[in-house]
């Protein structure tokens, strides 16, 4: 029975959930939460200040102690809105990974929404199939309409309880005028997607997140609603807040002390959502992003990786020659298998990235043959790729960009430092796989023997093979010149 852990580095709080995989399902065995308030540390220049970084590192050190005996494949840690926005997020993540002891991925807003919906869908058995899910986080709010376990319409908006509280209630004062301005601002943020959400329609609205659970708890304990959030109950809550007048004076049953400092901004956003989308009642989900991460990990374990579905969808959308892509993929993985230890590429991440890039290396042909590697990189980098973290998407785009023409290290500048050498080496393998399959022969290509040492890659072919394939030899000699700017060196071309 395997244990899994999901870590959510949110803009307001950091969460960790640990679960057991039991008969193909998830059983939660432990939860940890720390109100880090990361979003409060964003400075005017867009960077995170030292104080917020120290709070984050302190929390992740505690989480890391609990995860000490977990393998890399058992833990998924993600950063959301604040880490997406922070200018110094790369530097912060290096410290955070060291404290946690595991990799941390920054996920795009739409991927965050997909995972939230996945978690909610597993936690609301018996709910109507068509549903609207709303999650108010510290730095962003996600809106997802879906059927069953499949999201249909996904939107991530830049408004959250931390940012709105700081902007409209920063000195702690709550007034009717401030609440009105906060709700108007939330309405303006929602306006671009309001018609899309209404057109998609839903049978039930479901809320997730600390803000929404806190509101539901307050309404229930105050007798203003019974287990759900109603428009009438929300009006009574807003009036109670206006009566209190200040954040520190909020003494509401069901409101935790660590939720109070960001509560006003969250209520303003929720009220605006009710008003703009004409919601009368909202059910509350006990599950959200963390549980979505767990079920996503479970899917990968059970060979139901959403990233593979995303790649297949792109191949179909852009009419990629699937037979050729499969041959390039098989060749690339065959080459990888020979140098996996010498080039320190023994990880599922490297194998997956090379496989996905091989499948998509000709995606740019849908735009134009000339420069199709550049067009392809743009399509991969700019598309919505469900299941992919920001770094995973950037790595695949970089490999597609570098699969032909001159190769230099400028192609990998947008990747974190720890990925650049891996990306360079995977690019070399993909380039060779494409080169060896240039004639698009349906027969499986004969793999050369490959050995690697440092920045050198040596090829050895079976006796007589190069003589029978002079075009390949010419391409290999040209390839030597094309990859030289990257620092890589291609040698050999000997025959046994």
Protein backbone atom coordinates (compact mmCIF):
# COMPACT_ATOMS: atom_id res chain seq x y z
CA UNK A 1 0.00 0.00 0.00
CA UNK A 2 1.74 3.17 -1.25
CA UNK A 3 1.56 6.61 0.36
CA UNK A 4 1.29 9.82 -1.66
CA UNK A 5 1.71 13.45 -0.61
CA UNK A 6 0.42 16.66 -2.21
CA UNK A 7 1.87 20.05 -1.26
CA UNK A 8 0.14 23.29 -2.26
CA UNK A 9 2.17 26.51 -1.96
CA UNK A 10 -0.78 28.88 -2.07
CA UNK A 11 -0.82 32.66 -1.91
CA UNK A 12 -2.44 32.64 1.53
CA UNK A 13 -1.61 29.25 3.08
CA UNK A 14 0.68 26.31 2.45
CA UNK A 15 -1.05 22.92 2.67
CA UNK A 16 0.14 19.35 2.72
CA UNK A 17 -2.09 16.28 2.41
CA UNK A 18 -0.85 12.72 2.84
CA UNK A 19 -2.90 9.76 1.66
CA UNK A 20 -2.75 6.01 1.21
CA UNK A 21 -3.59 4.33 -2.08
CA UNK A 22 -6.20 1.80 -1.05
CA UNK A 23 -7.89 -0.52 -3.59
CA UNK A 24 -7.38 2.00 -6.37
CA UNK A 25 -8.69 4.93 -4.33
CA UNK A 26 -7.33 7.62 -2.01
CA UNK A 27 -7.62 7.59 1.79
CA UNK A 28 -6.44 10.77 3.54
CA UNK A 29 -4.31 10.03 6.61
CA UNK A 30 -2.79 13.41 7.49
CA UNK A 31 -3.17 17.14 6.80
CA UNK A 32 -0.95 20.09 7.61
CA UNK A 33 -1.64 23.79 7.02
CA UNK A 34 0.36 26.94 7.70
CA UNK A 35 -0.93 30.51 7.04
CA UNK A 36 2.23 31.74 5.29
CA UNK A 37 0.55 34.81 3.66
CA UNK A 38 2.96 34.68 0.73
CA UNK A 39 1.02 37.25 -1.31
CA UNK A 40 1.54 39.90 1.38
CA UNK A 41 5.25 39.70 0.57
CA UNK A 42 4.95 40.88 -3.04
CA UNK A 43 6.75 44.21 -3.34
CA UNK A 44 6.18 47.02 -5.85
CA UNK A 45 8.92 45.66 -8.14
CA UNK A 46 7.13 42.28 -8.24
CA UNK A 47 9.62 40.38 -6.09
CA UNK A 48 8.96 38.51 -2.85
CA UNK A 49 10.49 40.15 0.21
CA UNK A 50 12.86 38.34 2.57
CA UNK A 51 10.31 38.12 5.40
CA UNK A 52 7.78 36.22 3.30
CA UNK A 53 10.53 33.98 1.95
CA UNK A 54 11.61 33.09 5.48
CA UNK A 55 8.03 32.22 6.44
CA UNK A 56 7.82 29.97 3.41
CA UNK A 57 11.15 28.24 4.08
CA UNK A 58 10.27 27.69 7.74
CA UNK A 59 6.97 26.04 6.76
CA UNK A 60 8.53 23.89 4.03
CA UNK A 61 11.25 22.72 6.39
CA UNK A 62 8.51 21.36 8.66
CA UNK A 63 6.76 19.73 5.71
CA UNK A 64 10.08 18.29 4.56
CA UNK A 65 10.61 16.59 7.89
CA UNK A 66 7.29 14.77 7.46
CA UNK A 67 8.25 13.78 3.90
CA UNK A 68 11.77 12.61 4.73
CA UNK A 69 11.06 8.96 3.85
CA UNK A 70 9.02 9.69 0.71
CA UNK A 71 10.47 9.03 -2.73
CA UNK A 72 10.35 11.60 -5.51
CA UNK A 73 7.55 9.70 -7.27
CA UNK A 74 5.38 9.87 -4.13
CA UNK A 75 5.32 13.66 -3.78
CA UNK A 76 3.84 16.41 -5.95
CA UNK A 77 4.40 19.99 -4.82
CA UNK A 78 3.02 22.97 -6.76
CA UNK A 79 3.19 26.74 -6.54
CA UNK A 80 0.23 28.89 -7.60
CA UNK A 81 -0.57 32.55 -8.26
CA UNK A 82 2.00 34.39 -6.13
CA UNK A 83 4.87 32.21 -7.30
CA UNK A 84 3.61 32.61 -10.88
CA UNK A 85 3.81 36.39 -10.49
CA UNK A 86 6.97 36.83 -8.39
CA UNK A 87 9.93 38.14 -10.38
CA UNK A 88 12.38 36.25 -8.19
CA UNK A 89 10.41 33.01 -8.13
CA UNK A 90 13.33 30.98 -9.57
CA UNK A 91 15.58 32.01 -6.69
CA UNK A 92 12.82 31.41 -4.15
CA UNK A 93 12.08 27.97 -5.58
CA UNK A 94 15.70 26.85 -5.28
CA UNK A 95 15.59 27.57 -1.55
CA UNK A 96 12.11 26.09 -1.23
CA UNK A 97 13.10 22.82 -2.94
CA UNK A 98 16.07 22.45 -0.64
CA UNK A 99 13.86 22.97 2.42
CA UNK A 100 11.14 20.58 1.25
CA UNK A 101 13.51 17.99 -0.16
CA UNK A 102 11.36 17.57 -3.27
CA UNK A 103 10.79 19.29 -6.60
CA UNK A 104 8.26 22.11 -6.73
CA UNK A 105 6.41 22.90 -9.97
CA UNK A 106 4.80 26.25 -10.74
CA UNK A 107 1.52 25.47 -12.49
CA UNK A 108 -0.42 27.79 -14.84
CA UNK A 109 -3.77 29.15 -13.68
CA UNK A 110 -5.74 26.90 -16.04
CA UNK A 111 -3.87 23.84 -14.77
CA UNK A 112 -4.64 24.91 -11.20
CA UNK A 113 -8.31 25.13 -12.18
CA UNK A 114 -8.23 21.67 -13.79
CA UNK A 115 -6.74 20.12 -10.65
CA UNK A 116 -9.26 21.91 -8.43
CA UNK A 117 -12.10 20.53 -10.52
CA UNK A 118 -10.61 17.03 -10.37
CA UNK A 119 -10.41 17.23 -6.58
CA UNK A 120 -13.92 18.61 -6.22
CA UNK A 121 -15.39 16.01 -8.57
CA UNK A 122 -14.04 13.20 -6.41
CA UNK A 123 -15.40 14.78 -3.24
CA UNK A 124 -19.05 15.43 -4.16
CA UNK A 125 -20.59 12.07 -4.91
CA UNK A 126 -24.20 12.35 -6.07
CA UNK A 127 -23.98 15.96 -7.27
CA UNK A 128 -25.59 16.84 -10.62
CA UNK A 129 -23.39 16.14 -13.61
CA UNK A 130 -23.24 19.75 -14.90
CA UNK A 131 -21.59 21.92 -12.29
CA UNK A 132 -19.91 25.27 -11.76
CA UNK A 133 -16.95 25.13 -9.39
CA UNK A 134 -15.62 28.34 -7.82
CA UNK A 135 -12.38 28.41 -5.81
CA UNK A 136 -11.29 31.67 -4.16
CA UNK A 137 -7.60 31.48 -3.39
CA UNK A 138 -5.18 33.96 -1.90
CA UNK A 139 -4.08 35.40 -5.24
CA UNK A 140 -6.50 34.08 -7.86
CA UNK A 141 -10.04 32.77 -8.28
CA UNK A 142 -10.80 29.81 -10.51
CA UNK A 143 -14.08 29.16 -12.34
CA UNK A 144 -14.65 25.75 -13.89
CA UNK A 145 -17.74 24.32 -15.54
CA UNK A 146 -17.64 20.60 -16.12
CA UNK A 147 -19.53 17.39 -16.73
CA UNK A 148 -18.67 14.53 -14.40
CA UNK A 149 -14.87 14.42 -14.12
CA UNK A 150 -14.28 16.42 -17.31
CA UNK A 151 -13.85 20.23 -17.23
CA UNK A 152 -15.60 21.97 -20.12
CA UNK A 153 -14.84 25.64 -19.49
CA UNK A 154 -11.88 26.76 -17.37
CA UNK A 155 -10.95 30.29 -16.28
CA UNK A 156 -8.42 31.67 -13.78
CA UNK A 157 -8.88 35.29 -12.72
CA UNK A 158 -6.35 37.54 -10.97
CA UNK A 159 -8.33 38.26 -7.83
CA UNK A 160 -7.88 36.62 -4.44
CA UNK A 161 -8.67 37.12 -0.78
CA UNK A 162 -5.15 38.30 0.13
CA UNK A 163 -4.80 40.82 -2.69
CA UNK A 164 -8.32 42.22 -2.31
CA UNK A 165 -8.05 42.52 1.47
CA UNK A 166 -4.75 44.37 1.12
CA UNK A 167 -6.10 46.64 -1.64
CA UNK A 168 -9.47 47.58 -0.14
CA UNK A 169 -9.19 46.82 3.58
CA UNK A 170 -5.46 47.25 4.11
CA UNK A 171 -5.77 49.32 7.29
CA UNK A 172 -8.34 46.92 8.76
CA UNK A 173 -11.35 49.18 8.27
CA UNK A 174 -14.55 47.71 6.80
CA UNK A 175 -17.10 50.17 5.43
CA UNK A 176 -20.02 50.05 3.01
CA UNK A 177 -18.10 52.20 0.53
CA UNK A 178 -15.01 49.97 0.63
CA UNK A 179 -17.07 46.81 0.29
CA UNK A 180 -18.87 48.34 -2.71
CA UNK A 181 -15.57 49.24 -4.40
CA UNK A 182 -14.15 45.76 -3.75
CA UNK A 183 -17.24 44.10 -5.22
CA UNK A 184 -17.15 46.38 -8.27
CA UNK A 185 -13.50 45.51 -8.84
CA UNK A 186 -14.30 41.79 -8.60
CA UNK A 187 -17.18 42.28 -11.04
CA UNK A 188 -14.86 43.97 -13.53
CA UNK A 189 -12.42 41.06 -13.29
CA UNK A 190 -15.26 38.62 -13.87
CA UNK A 191 -16.82 40.56 -16.75
CA UNK A 192 -14.69 39.06 -19.61
CA UNK A 193 -15.81 35.50 -18.78
CA UNK A 194 -19.28 36.15 -17.39
CA UNK A 195 -21.11 35.54 -20.69
CA UNK A 196 -19.06 32.41 -21.41
CA UNK A 197 -19.95 30.94 -18.04
CA UNK A 198 -23.64 31.75 -18.41
CA UNK A 199 -23.72 30.30 -21.92
CA UNK A 200 -22.10 27.05 -20.75
CA UNK A 201 -24.68 26.79 -17.95
CA UNK A 202 -24.73 24.61 -14.84
CA UNK A 203 -27.14 22.70 -12.62
CA UNK A 204 -25.36 23.33 -9.34
CA UNK A 205 -22.78 25.84 -8.10
CA UNK A 206 -20.11 24.39 -5.83
CA UNK A 207 -17.53 26.33 -3.87
CA UNK A 208 -14.10 25.22 -2.73
CA UNK A 209 -11.30 26.89 -0.74
CA UNK A 210 -10.75 28.20 2.77
CA UNK A 211 -12.76 31.39 2.21
CA UNK A 212 -15.84 29.54 1.00
CA UNK A 213 -15.65 26.87 3.72
CA UNK A 214 -15.30 29.61 6.34
CA UNK A 215 -18.33 31.46 4.99
CA UNK A 216 -20.39 28.25 5.03
CA UNK A 217 -19.33 27.52 8.60
CA UNK A 218 -20.26 31.02 9.77
CA UNK A 219 -23.66 30.94 8.08
CA UNK A 220 -24.42 27.54 9.58
CA UNK A 221 -23.33 28.39 13.14
CA UNK A 222 -25.18 31.72 12.98
CA UNK A 223 -28.39 30.06 11.76
CA UNK A 224 -28.35 32.03 8.48
CA UNK A 225 -28.12 28.90 6.28
CA UNK A 226 -27.90 25.15 6.72
CA UNK A 227 -24.81 23.57 5.17
CA UNK A 228 -24.76 25.68 2.02
CA UNK A 229 -24.13 29.35 1.18
CA UNK A 230 -27.24 31.31 0.21
CA UNK A 231 -27.53 34.81 -1.22
CA UNK A 232 -29.64 35.79 1.78
CA UNK A 233 -27.13 34.38 4.24
CA UNK A 234 -24.28 36.16 2.46
CA UNK A 235 -26.12 39.48 2.77
CA UNK A 236 -26.48 38.91 6.54
CA UNK A 237 -22.78 38.10 6.83
CA UNK A 238 -21.85 41.27 4.95
CA UNK A 239 -24.06 43.33 7.27
CA UNK A 240 -22.42 41.75 10.32
CA UNK A 241 -19.00 42.70 8.96
CA UNK A 242 -20.10 46.29 8.37
CA UNK A 243 -21.41 46.42 11.92
CA UNK A 244 -18.05 45.20 13.27
CA UNK A 245 -16.32 47.94 11.28
CA UNK A 246 -12.81 46.50 11.51
CA UNK A 247 -11.11 43.23 10.66
CA UNK A 248 -9.78 42.76 14.18
CA UNK A 249 -13.28 43.24 15.59
CA UNK A 250 -14.76 40.37 13.57
CA UNK A 251 -16.02 37.90 16.15
CA UNK A 252 -18.10 35.51 14.11
CA UNK A 253 -18.84 31.90 15.08
CA UNK A 254 -16.95 29.56 12.76
CA UNK A 255 -14.32 32.14 11.72
CA UNK A 256 -10.79 30.94 12.54
CA UNK A 257 -8.33 33.51 13.85
CA UNK A 258 -5.85 32.91 11.02
CA UNK A 259 -8.58 33.40 8.40
CA UNK A 260 -9.72 36.76 9.81
CA UNK A 261 -6.89 38.93 8.30
CA UNK A 262 -7.89 38.02 4.71
CA UNK A 263 -11.59 37.36 5.18
CA UNK A 264 -13.03 40.71 3.98
CA UNK A 265 -11.47 40.48 0.53
CA UNK A 266 -12.70 36.90 0.12
CA UNK A 267 -16.28 37.82 1.08
CA UNK A 268 -16.27 40.74 -1.36
CA UNK A 269 -15.22 38.43 -4.21
CA UNK A 270 -17.79 35.78 -3.27
CA UNK A 271 -20.57 38.39 -3.05
CA UNK A 272 -19.66 39.71 -6.50
CA UNK A 273 -19.71 36.17 -7.92
CA UNK A 274 -23.20 35.58 -6.49
CA UNK A 275 -24.47 38.87 -7.90
CA UNK A 276 -22.90 38.71 -11.37
CA UNK A 277 -23.75 35.05 -11.99
CA UNK A 278 -27.20 35.17 -10.34
CA UNK A 279 -26.36 32.39 -7.88
CA UNK A 280 -28.97 31.78 -5.17
CA UNK A 281 -27.28 28.88 -3.43
CA UNK A 282 -23.81 27.35 -3.46
CA UNK A 283 -22.87 23.92 -2.14
CA UNK A 284 -19.49 23.52 -0.47
CA UNK A 285 -16.85 20.95 -1.39
CA UNK A 286 -14.55 19.52 1.28
CA UNK A 287 -11.94 18.80 -1.42
CA UNK A 288 -10.06 20.94 -3.92
CA UNK A 289 -6.53 21.42 -5.28
CA UNK A 290 -4.65 19.12 -2.88
CA UNK A 291 -7.01 16.22 -3.50
CA UNK A 292 -6.88 16.95 -7.22
CA UNK A 293 -3.10 16.60 -7.09
CA UNK A 294 -3.45 13.24 -5.34
CA UNK A 295 -5.90 11.88 -7.90
CA UNK A 296 -3.73 13.22 -10.72
CA UNK A 297 -0.74 11.34 -9.25
CA UNK A 298 -2.89 8.24 -8.92
CA UNK A 299 -3.82 8.52 -12.59
CA UNK A 300 -0.15 8.68 -13.56
CA UNK A 301 0.57 5.59 -11.47
CA UNK A 302 -2.29 3.76 -13.19
CA UNK A 303 -1.12 4.78 -16.69
CA UNK A 304 -3.83 7.41 -17.08
CA UNK A 305 -1.50 10.39 -17.34
CA UNK A 306 -3.43 13.50 -18.47
CA UNK A 307 -0.25 14.79 -20.12
CA UNK A 308 -0.28 11.87 -22.56
CA UNK A 309 -3.88 12.72 -23.45
CA UNK A 310 -2.86 16.34 -24.02
CA UNK A 311 -0.06 15.34 -26.40
CA UNK A 312 -2.41 13.01 -28.32
CA UNK A 313 -4.94 15.85 -28.58
CA UNK A 314 -2.30 18.20 -30.05
CA UNK A 315 -1.16 15.56 -32.53
CA UNK A 316 -4.73 15.16 -33.71
CA UNK A 317 -5.50 18.89 -33.79
CA UNK A 318 -2.46 19.74 -35.92
CA UNK A 319 -2.65 16.61 -38.15
CA UNK A 320 0.80 15.34 -37.21
CA UNK A 321 2.09 12.33 -39.17
CA UNK A 322 1.59 9.88 -36.30
CA UNK A 323 3.49 6.95 -37.83
CA UNK A 324 6.56 9.12 -38.39
CA UNK A 325 6.31 10.68 -34.93
CA UNK A 326 6.14 7.19 -33.40
CA UNK A 327 9.28 6.11 -35.29
CA UNK A 328 11.19 9.21 -34.16
CA UNK A 329 10.03 8.60 -30.61
CA UNK A 330 11.17 4.96 -30.67
CA UNK A 331 14.57 5.95 -32.06
CA UNK A 332 15.02 8.76 -29.53
CA UNK A 333 14.17 6.47 -26.61
CA UNK A 334 16.52 3.80 -28.00
CA UNK A 335 19.36 6.34 -28.04
CA UNK A 336 18.41 7.57 -24.56
CA UNK A 337 18.60 4.06 -23.17
CA UNK A 338 22.26 3.80 -24.18
CA UNK A 339 23.43 7.04 -22.53
CA UNK A 340 20.97 7.29 -19.64
CA UNK A 341 23.66 6.75 -17.00
CA UNK A 342 26.61 8.47 -18.68
CA UNK A 343 24.51 11.60 -19.19
CA UNK A 344 22.60 11.36 -15.88
CA UNK A 345 19.21 11.15 -17.59
CA UNK A 346 17.77 8.26 -15.59
CA UNK A 347 14.44 9.84 -14.62
CA UNK A 348 10.84 9.58 -15.77
CA UNK A 349 10.90 13.34 -16.36
CA UNK A 350 13.67 13.11 -18.98
CA UNK A 351 12.08 10.13 -20.74
CA UNK A 352 8.65 11.78 -20.79
CA UNK A 353 10.00 15.09 -22.11
CA UNK A 354 11.90 13.36 -24.92
CA UNK A 355 8.85 11.25 -25.84
CA UNK A 356 6.51 14.24 -25.93
CA UNK A 357 8.95 16.37 -27.95
CA UNK A 358 9.40 13.52 -30.45
CA UNK A 359 5.64 13.31 -30.88
CA UNK A 360 5.35 17.08 -31.41
CA UNK A 361 8.58 17.88 -33.28
CA UNK A 362 6.69 18.51 -36.55
CA UNK A 363 3.74 20.40 -35.05
CA UNK A 364 5.01 23.63 -36.65
CA UNK A 365 4.39 22.25 -40.14
CA UNK A 366 0.76 23.27 -39.57
CA UNK A 367 2.00 26.87 -39.90
CA UNK A 368 4.78 26.66 -42.50
CA UNK A 369 7.67 24.35 -43.43
CA UNK A 370 10.13 27.24 -43.33
CA UNK A 371 11.16 27.68 -39.70
CA UNK A 372 8.71 25.02 -38.56
CA UNK A 373 10.85 24.28 -35.49
CA UNK A 374 10.30 27.88 -34.37
CA UNK A 375 6.58 27.78 -35.16
CA UNK A 376 6.30 24.49 -33.29
CA UNK A 377 8.04 25.84 -30.20
CA UNK A 378 5.65 28.80 -30.16
CA UNK A 379 2.58 26.55 -30.46
CA UNK A 380 3.76 24.31 -27.63
CA UNK A 381 4.77 27.20 -25.37
CA UNK A 382 1.57 29.17 -25.99
CA UNK A 383 -1.05 26.41 -25.89
CA UNK A 384 -3.12 25.37 -22.91
CA UNK A 385 -1.58 21.99 -21.97
CA UNK A 386 -3.67 20.27 -19.27
CA UNK A 387 -1.50 18.29 -16.87
CA UNK A 388 1.74 20.20 -17.57
CA UNK A 389 3.62 22.41 -15.14
CA UNK A 390 5.17 25.62 -16.41
CA UNK A 391 8.67 24.11 -16.54
CA UNK A 392 7.49 20.89 -18.24
CA UNK A 393 5.79 22.91 -20.97
CA UNK A 394 8.84 25.14 -21.42
CA UNK A 395 11.14 22.10 -21.65
CA UNK A 396 9.08 20.42 -24.39
CA UNK A 397 8.88 23.72 -26.30
CA UNK A 398 12.66 24.11 -26.05
CA UNK A 399 13.25 20.59 -27.38
CA UNK A 400 10.92 21.21 -30.32
CA UNK A 401 12.73 24.51 -30.99
CA UNK A 402 16.13 22.82 -30.92
CA UNK A 403 15.40 19.71 -32.99
CA UNK A 404 16.85 21.17 -36.22
CA UNK A 405 19.10 23.91 -37.60
CA UNK A 406 21.80 25.52 -35.45
CA UNK A 407 21.73 24.61 -31.76
CA UNK A 408 23.05 26.92 -29.08
CA UNK A 409 22.40 27.41 -25.38
CA UNK A 410 20.25 30.53 -25.94
CA UNK A 411 17.33 28.19 -26.67
CA UNK A 412 17.32 27.10 -23.04
CA UNK A 413 17.69 30.43 -21.23
CA UNK A 414 14.06 30.44 -20.07
CA UNK A 415 14.51 27.11 -18.30
CA UNK A 416 15.67 26.88 -14.67
CA UNK A 417 19.41 26.30 -14.34
CA UNK A 418 19.00 22.74 -13.16
CA UNK A 419 17.16 21.79 -16.38
CA UNK A 420 19.44 23.37 -18.97
CA UNK A 421 22.06 20.63 -19.24
CA UNK A 422 19.33 17.99 -19.38
CA UNK A 423 17.55 19.96 -22.12
CA UNK A 424 20.75 20.28 -24.15
CA UNK A 425 21.45 16.56 -23.98
CA UNK A 426 17.87 15.57 -24.79
CA UNK A 427 17.97 17.94 -27.77
CA UNK A 428 21.03 16.15 -29.13
CA UNK A 429 19.24 12.79 -28.90
CA UNK A 430 16.08 14.14 -30.54
CA UNK A 431 18.09 15.71 -33.36
CA UNK A 432 19.80 12.38 -34.05
CA UNK A 433 16.47 10.53 -34.00
CA UNK A 434 15.01 12.98 -36.52
CA UNK A 435 18.13 12.76 -38.69
CA UNK A 436 18.13 8.94 -38.73
CA UNK A 437 14.46 8.93 -39.78
CA UNK A 438 14.80 11.64 -42.40
CA UNK A 439 13.77 9.39 -45.30
CA UNK A 440 10.52 8.58 -43.44
CA UNK A 441 11.02 4.88 -44.18
CA UNK A 442 8.27 2.78 -42.55
CA UNK A 443 10.91 0.23 -41.55
CA UNK A 444 12.40 0.53 -38.07
CA UNK A 445 15.73 2.37 -38.29
CA UNK A 446 18.90 0.51 -37.27
CA UNK A 447 20.21 2.14 -34.10
CA UNK A 448 23.90 2.95 -33.90
CA UNK A 449 25.84 2.23 -30.74
CA UNK A 450 26.03 5.46 -28.73
CA UNK A 451 28.32 6.38 -25.88
CA UNK A 452 28.56 9.68 -24.01
CA UNK A 453 31.21 11.41 -21.95
CA UNK A 454 30.82 14.96 -20.73
CA UNK A 455 29.75 17.05 -23.74
CA UNK A 456 30.81 14.39 -26.25
CA UNK A 457 28.57 11.91 -28.03
CA UNK A 458 30.17 9.09 -30.04
CA UNK A 459 28.31 7.04 -32.65
CA UNK A 460 29.31 3.64 -34.01
CA UNK A 461 27.36 2.01 -36.85
CA UNK A 462 27.26 -1.59 -38.03
CA UNK A 463 29.77 -2.47 -40.72
CA UNK A 464 28.63 -1.24 -44.12
CA UNK A 465 25.60 0.69 -42.90
CA UNK A 466 26.97 4.20 -43.50
CA UNK A 467 28.29 3.18 -46.90
CA UNK A 468 24.77 2.11 -47.81
CA UNK A 469 23.33 5.36 -46.44
CA UNK A 470 25.58 8.19 -47.74
CA UNK A 471 22.91 10.82 -47.11
CA UNK A 472 22.95 9.98 -43.39
CA UNK A 473 26.73 10.37 -43.34
CA UNK A 474 26.44 13.75 -45.01
CA UNK A 475 23.77 14.80 -42.50
CA UNK A 476 25.91 13.66 -39.57
CA UNK A 477 28.89 15.67 -40.79
CA UNK A 478 26.64 18.71 -41.12
CA UNK A 479 25.19 18.02 -37.67
CA UNK A 480 28.69 18.28 -36.20
CA UNK A 481 28.81 21.92 -37.32
CA UNK A 482 25.24 22.74 -36.31
CA UNK A 483 25.56 21.63 -32.67
CA UNK A 484 29.05 23.03 -32.11
CA UNK A 485 27.76 26.43 -30.81
CA UNK A 486 26.00 24.58 -27.97
CA UNK A 487 29.26 23.13 -26.69
CA UNK A 488 28.26 19.59 -27.63
CA UNK A 489 30.61 17.52 -29.79
CA UNK A 490 29.50 14.71 -32.09
CA UNK A 491 32.24 12.20 -32.89
CA UNK A 492 32.80 8.78 -34.39
CA UNK A 493 30.72 7.70 -37.37
CA UNK A 494 32.91 4.60 -37.29
CA UNK A 495 31.71 1.21 -38.42
CA UNK A 496 32.28 -2.05 -36.55
